[in-house]
């Protein structure tokens, strides 16, 4: 996220921390050199979720499931999240993290290339989140409806 030091400090001041499980998953991801969203993005996401209260969320790029679980934890209780991951080494870790959090019924986990999955994805979403490089997602959002 591009923000000045004062803006970042303000956003972080609004945050009251994460659950013990999210803190553990974050620690494990950092130890394994898996990129996850920074503290200010976590704080910003929580603020957006509280304000917008999305019911249908799409996440492109699951990694180990940290941001998906963060959104499930701090979004509306009836929120349904669909997330897409293609990196085979991270898929079992994300599935295990969803199980650890007891969120398997709230999360639809799609395995494969997002560029292909998005072509066939049905339904609409109130909120779309991605933590992949701009270069990777340039073609994703060109289809009608995104």
C-alpha atoms as a PDB file:
ATOM      1  CA  UNK A   1       0.000   0.000   0.000  1.00  0.00           C
ATOM      2  CA  UNK A   2       1.314   3.416  -0.868  1.00  0.00           C
ATOM      3  CA  UNK A   3       0.738   5.738   2.061  1.00  0.00           C
ATOM      4  CA  UNK A   4       2.643   8.352   3.952  1.00  0.00           C
ATOM      5  CA  UNK A   5       4.095   7.636   7.361  1.00  0.00           C
ATOM      6  CA  UNK A   6       1.380   9.627   9.153  1.00  0.00           C
ATOM      7  CA  UNK A   7      -1.412   7.919   7.209  1.00  0.00           C
ATOM      8  CA  UNK A   8       0.072   4.501   7.948  1.00  0.00           C
ATOM      9  CA  UNK A   9       0.388   5.349  11.649  1.00  0.00           C
ATOM     10  CA  UNK A  10      -3.248   6.481  11.743  1.00  0.00           C
ATOM     11  CA  UNK A  11      -4.537   3.371   9.974  1.00  0.00           C
ATOM     12  CA  UNK A  12      -2.532   1.136  12.323  1.00  0.00           C
ATOM     13  CA  UNK A  13      -3.840   3.036  15.357  1.00  0.00           C
ATOM     14  CA  UNK A  14      -7.367   1.895  14.487  1.00  0.00           C
ATOM     15  CA  UNK A  15      -6.373  -1.773  14.645  1.00  0.00           C
ATOM     16  CA  UNK A  16      -6.859  -3.794  17.824  1.00  0.00           C
ATOM     17  CA  UNK A  17      -4.820  -6.798  16.702  1.00  0.00           C
ATOM     18  CA  UNK A  18      -5.698 -10.211  15.353  1.00  0.00           C
ATOM     19  CA  UNK A  19      -6.840 -13.507  16.812  1.00  0.00           C
ATOM     20  CA  UNK A  20      -4.242 -15.880  18.195  1.00  0.00           C
ATOM     21  CA  UNK A  21      -4.669 -18.203  15.202  1.00  0.00           C
ATOM     22  CA  UNK A  22      -4.195 -15.381  12.679  1.00  0.00           C
ATOM     23  CA  UNK A  23      -1.064 -14.288  14.543  1.00  0.00           C
ATOM     24  CA  UNK A  24       0.237 -17.871  14.382  1.00  0.00           C
ATOM     25  CA  UNK A  25      -0.503 -18.206  10.637  1.00  0.00           C
ATOM     26  CA  UNK A  26       1.171 -14.847  10.005  1.00  0.00           C
ATOM     27  CA  UNK A  27       4.265 -15.989  11.937  1.00  0.00           C
ATOM     28  CA  UNK A  28       4.395 -19.304  10.042  1.00  0.00           C
ATOM     29  CA  UNK A  29       4.033 -17.509   6.682  1.00  0.00           C
ATOM     30  CA  UNK A  30       6.834 -15.080   7.478  1.00  0.00           C
ATOM     31  CA  UNK A  31       9.107 -17.927   8.595  1.00  0.00           C
ATOM     32  CA  UNK A  32       8.401 -19.714   5.295  1.00  0.00           C
ATOM     33  CA  UNK A  33       8.997 -16.488   3.302  1.00  0.00           C
ATOM     34  CA  UNK A  34       5.406 -16.466   2.049  1.00  0.00           C
ATOM     35  CA  UNK A  35       4.284 -12.925   1.220  1.00  0.00           C
ATOM     36  CA  UNK A  36       1.234 -11.820   3.166  1.00  0.00           C
ATOM     37  CA  UNK A  37      -0.445  -8.463   3.586  1.00  0.00           C
ATOM     38  CA  UNK A  38       1.331  -5.942   5.804  1.00  0.00           C
ATOM     39  CA  UNK A  39      -0.081  -4.571   9.038  1.00  0.00           C
ATOM     40  CA  UNK A  40      -1.466  -1.384   7.482  1.00  0.00           C
ATOM     41  CA  UNK A  41      -3.293  -3.378   4.803  1.00  0.00           C
ATOM     42  CA  UNK A  42      -4.725  -5.664   7.489  1.00  0.00           C
ATOM     43  CA  UNK A  43      -5.987  -2.602   9.367  1.00  0.00           C
ATOM     44  CA  UNK A  44      -7.364  -1.062   6.189  1.00  0.00           C
ATOM     45  CA  UNK A  45      -9.131  -4.301   5.198  1.00  0.00           C
ATOM     46  CA  UNK A  46     -10.772  -4.560   8.622  1.00  0.00           C
ATOM     47  CA  UNK A  47     -11.993  -0.972   8.288  1.00  0.00           C
ATOM     48  CA  UNK A  48     -13.384  -1.613   4.795  1.00  0.00           C
ATOM     49  CA  UNK A  49     -15.118  -4.797   5.914  1.00  0.00           C
ATOM     50  CA  UNK A  50     -16.718  -3.015   8.864  1.00  0.00           C
ATOM     51  CA  UNK A  51     -17.905  -0.182   6.626  1.00  0.00           C
ATOM     52  CA  UNK A  52     -19.058  -2.114   3.542  1.00  0.00           C
ATOM     53  CA  UNK A  53     -20.222  -5.372   5.172  1.00  0.00           C
ATOM     54  CA  UNK A  54     -19.803  -7.471   2.003  1.00  0.00           C
ATOM     55  CA  UNK A  55     -21.695 -10.735   1.781  1.00  0.00           C
ATOM     56  CA  UNK A  56     -19.952 -12.185  -1.300  1.00  0.00           C
ATOM     57  CA  UNK A  57     -16.163 -11.772  -1.453  1.00  0.00           C
ATOM     58  CA  UNK A  58     -13.705 -12.890  -4.126  1.00  0.00           C
ATOM     59  CA  UNK A  59     -10.024 -13.222  -3.347  1.00  0.00           C
ATOM     60  CA  UNK A  60      -7.534 -13.865  -6.144  1.00  0.00           C
ATOM     61  CA  UNK A  61      -4.341 -15.353  -4.732  1.00  0.00           C
ATOM     62  CA  UNK A  62      -4.880 -17.394  -1.569  1.00  0.00           C
ATOM     63  CA  UNK A  63      -1.258 -18.180  -0.673  1.00  0.00           C
ATOM     64  CA  UNK A  64      -1.581 -19.769   2.800  1.00  0.00           C
ATOM     65  CA  UNK A  65      -5.051 -18.356   3.441  1.00  0.00           C
ATOM     66  CA  UNK A  66      -4.078 -15.548   5.821  1.00  0.00           C
ATOM     67  CA  UNK A  67      -6.011 -12.710   4.168  1.00  0.00           C
ATOM     68  CA  UNK A  68      -9.012 -14.970   3.469  1.00  0.00           C
ATOM     69  CA  UNK A  69      -9.180 -15.893   7.135  1.00  0.00           C
ATOM     70  CA  UNK A  70      -8.690 -12.286   8.184  1.00  0.00           C
ATOM     71  CA  UNK A  71     -11.644 -11.270   6.021  1.00  0.00           C
ATOM     72  CA  UNK A  72     -13.772 -14.128   7.397  1.00  0.00           C
ATOM     73  CA  UNK A  73     -12.886 -13.180  10.966  1.00  0.00           C
ATOM     74  CA  UNK A  74     -13.595  -9.475  10.626  1.00  0.00           C
ATOM     75  CA  UNK A  75     -16.296  -9.492   7.944  1.00  0.00           C
ATOM     76  CA  UNK A  76     -20.003 -10.202   8.466  1.00  0.00           C
ATOM     77  CA  UNK A  77     -20.806 -13.589  10.001  1.00  0.00           C
ATOM     78  CA  UNK A  78     -22.848 -14.542   6.924  1.00  0.00           C
ATOM     79  CA  UNK A  79     -20.129 -13.563   4.453  1.00  0.00           C
ATOM     80  CA  UNK A  80     -19.185 -16.163   1.827  1.00  0.00           C
ATOM     81  CA  UNK A  81     -15.649 -15.986   0.474  1.00  0.00           C
ATOM     82  CA  UNK A  82     -14.397 -17.517  -2.766  1.00  0.00           C
ATOM     83  CA  UNK A  83     -10.632 -17.707  -3.133  1.00  0.00           C
ATOM     84  CA  UNK A  84      -8.381 -18.894  -5.978  1.00  0.00           C
ATOM     85  CA  UNK A  85      -4.859 -20.328  -5.773  1.00  0.00           C
ATOM     86  CA  UNK A  86      -2.720 -22.115  -8.342  1.00  0.00           C
ATOM     87  CA  UNK A  87       0.611 -22.656  -6.541  1.00  0.00           C
ATOM     88  CA  UNK A  88       0.486 -26.358  -5.641  1.00  0.00           C
ATOM     89  CA  UNK A  89       2.835 -26.075  -2.655  1.00  0.00           C
ATOM     90  CA  UNK A  90       0.571 -23.544  -0.941  1.00  0.00           C
ATOM     91  CA  UNK A  91      -2.788 -25.210  -1.584  1.00  0.00           C
ATOM     92  CA  UNK A  92      -2.496 -27.865   1.182  1.00  0.00           C
ATOM     93  CA  UNK A  93      -1.231 -25.244   3.652  1.00  0.00           C
ATOM     94  CA  UNK A  94      -4.205 -22.981   2.919  1.00  0.00           C
ATOM     95  CA  UNK A  95      -6.638 -25.902   3.244  1.00  0.00           C
ATOM     96  CA  UNK A  96      -5.109 -26.840   6.588  1.00  0.00           C
ATOM     97  CA  UNK A  97      -5.335 -23.242   7.802  1.00  0.00           C
ATOM     98  CA  UNK A  98      -9.005 -23.068   6.787  1.00  0.00           C
ATOM     99  CA  UNK A  99      -9.577 -26.294   8.735  1.00  0.00           C
ATOM    100  CA  UNK A 100      -7.669 -24.972  11.783  1.00  0.00           C
ATOM    101  CA  UNK A 101      -9.890 -21.885  11.757  1.00  0.00           C
ATOM    102  CA  UNK A 102     -13.098 -23.901  11.271  1.00  0.00           C
ATOM    103  CA  UNK A 103     -13.953 -21.851   8.175  1.00  0.00           C
ATOM    104  CA  UNK A 104     -14.235 -24.578   5.519  1.00  0.00           C
ATOM    105  CA  UNK A 105     -17.984 -24.044   5.124  1.00  0.00           C
ATOM    106  CA  UNK A 106     -17.562 -20.276   4.711  1.00  0.00           C
ATOM    107  CA  UNK A 107     -14.779 -20.497   2.117  1.00  0.00           C
ATOM    108  CA  UNK A 108     -15.041 -21.858  -1.409  1.00  0.00           C
ATOM    109  CA  UNK A 109     -11.489 -22.753  -2.405  1.00  0.00           C
ATOM    110  CA  UNK A 110     -10.869 -22.951  -6.150  1.00  0.00           C
ATOM    111  CA  UNK A 111      -7.599 -24.501  -7.279  1.00  0.00           C
ATOM    112  CA  UNK A 112      -6.040 -23.461 -10.561  1.00  0.00           C
ATOM    113  CA  UNK A 113      -5.091 -20.535 -12.724  1.00  0.00           C
ATOM    114  CA  UNK A 114      -7.215 -17.501 -11.884  1.00  0.00           C
ATOM    115  CA  UNK A 115      -7.106 -16.304 -15.489  1.00  0.00           C
ATOM    116  CA  UNK A 116      -8.936 -19.486 -16.515  1.00  0.00           C
ATOM    117  CA  UNK A 117     -11.197 -19.803 -13.468  1.00  0.00           C
ATOM    118  CA  UNK A 118     -12.405 -16.201 -13.725  1.00  0.00           C
ATOM    119  CA  UNK A 119     -13.621 -16.830 -17.280  1.00  0.00           C
ATOM    120  CA  UNK A 120     -16.068 -19.439 -15.964  1.00  0.00           C
ATOM    121  CA  UNK A 121     -16.875 -18.002 -12.536  1.00  0.00           C
ATOM    122  CA  UNK A 122     -20.597 -17.501 -11.957  1.00  0.00           C
ATOM    123  CA  UNK A 123     -22.287 -14.971  -9.717  1.00  0.00           C
ATOM    124  CA  UNK A 124     -21.402 -11.521  -8.514  1.00  0.00           C
ATOM    125  CA  UNK A 125     -19.258 -10.183  -5.697  1.00  0.00           C
ATOM    126  CA  UNK A 126     -19.601  -7.256  -3.331  1.00  0.00           C
ATOM    127  CA  UNK A 127     -15.876  -7.073  -2.678  1.00  0.00           C
ATOM    128  CA  UNK A 128     -12.826  -8.267  -4.628  1.00  0.00           C
ATOM    129  CA  UNK A 129      -9.380  -8.531  -3.069  1.00  0.00           C
ATOM    130  CA  UNK A 130      -6.100  -9.536  -4.628  1.00  0.00           C
ATOM    131  CA  UNK A 131      -2.556  -9.570  -3.338  1.00  0.00           C
ATOM    132  CA  UNK A 132      -0.803 -10.426  -6.574  1.00  0.00           C
ATOM    133  CA  UNK A 133       1.373  -8.239  -8.726  1.00  0.00           C
ATOM    134  CA  UNK A 134      -0.240  -5.791 -11.112  1.00  0.00           C
ATOM    135  CA  UNK A 135       1.542  -7.494 -14.017  1.00  0.00           C
ATOM    136  CA  UNK A 136      -0.139 -10.789 -13.135  1.00  0.00           C
ATOM    137  CA  UNK A 137      -3.654  -9.356 -12.899  1.00  0.00           C
ATOM    138  CA  UNK A 138      -3.698  -7.029 -15.922  1.00  0.00           C
ATOM    139  CA  UNK A 139      -5.805  -9.413 -17.993  1.00  0.00           C
ATOM    140  CA  UNK A 140      -8.071 -10.607 -15.159  1.00  0.00           C
ATOM    141  CA  UNK A 141     -10.326  -7.603 -14.870  1.00  0.00           C
ATOM    142  CA  UNK A 142     -10.885  -6.917 -18.562  1.00  0.00           C
ATOM    143  CA  UNK A 143     -13.855  -9.273 -18.850  1.00  0.00           C
ATOM    144  CA  UNK A 144     -17.346  -7.852 -18.557  1.00  0.00           C
ATOM    145  CA  UNK A 145     -18.581  -7.663 -14.995  1.00  0.00           C
ATOM    146  CA  UNK A 146     -15.254  -6.902 -13.373  1.00  0.00           C
END
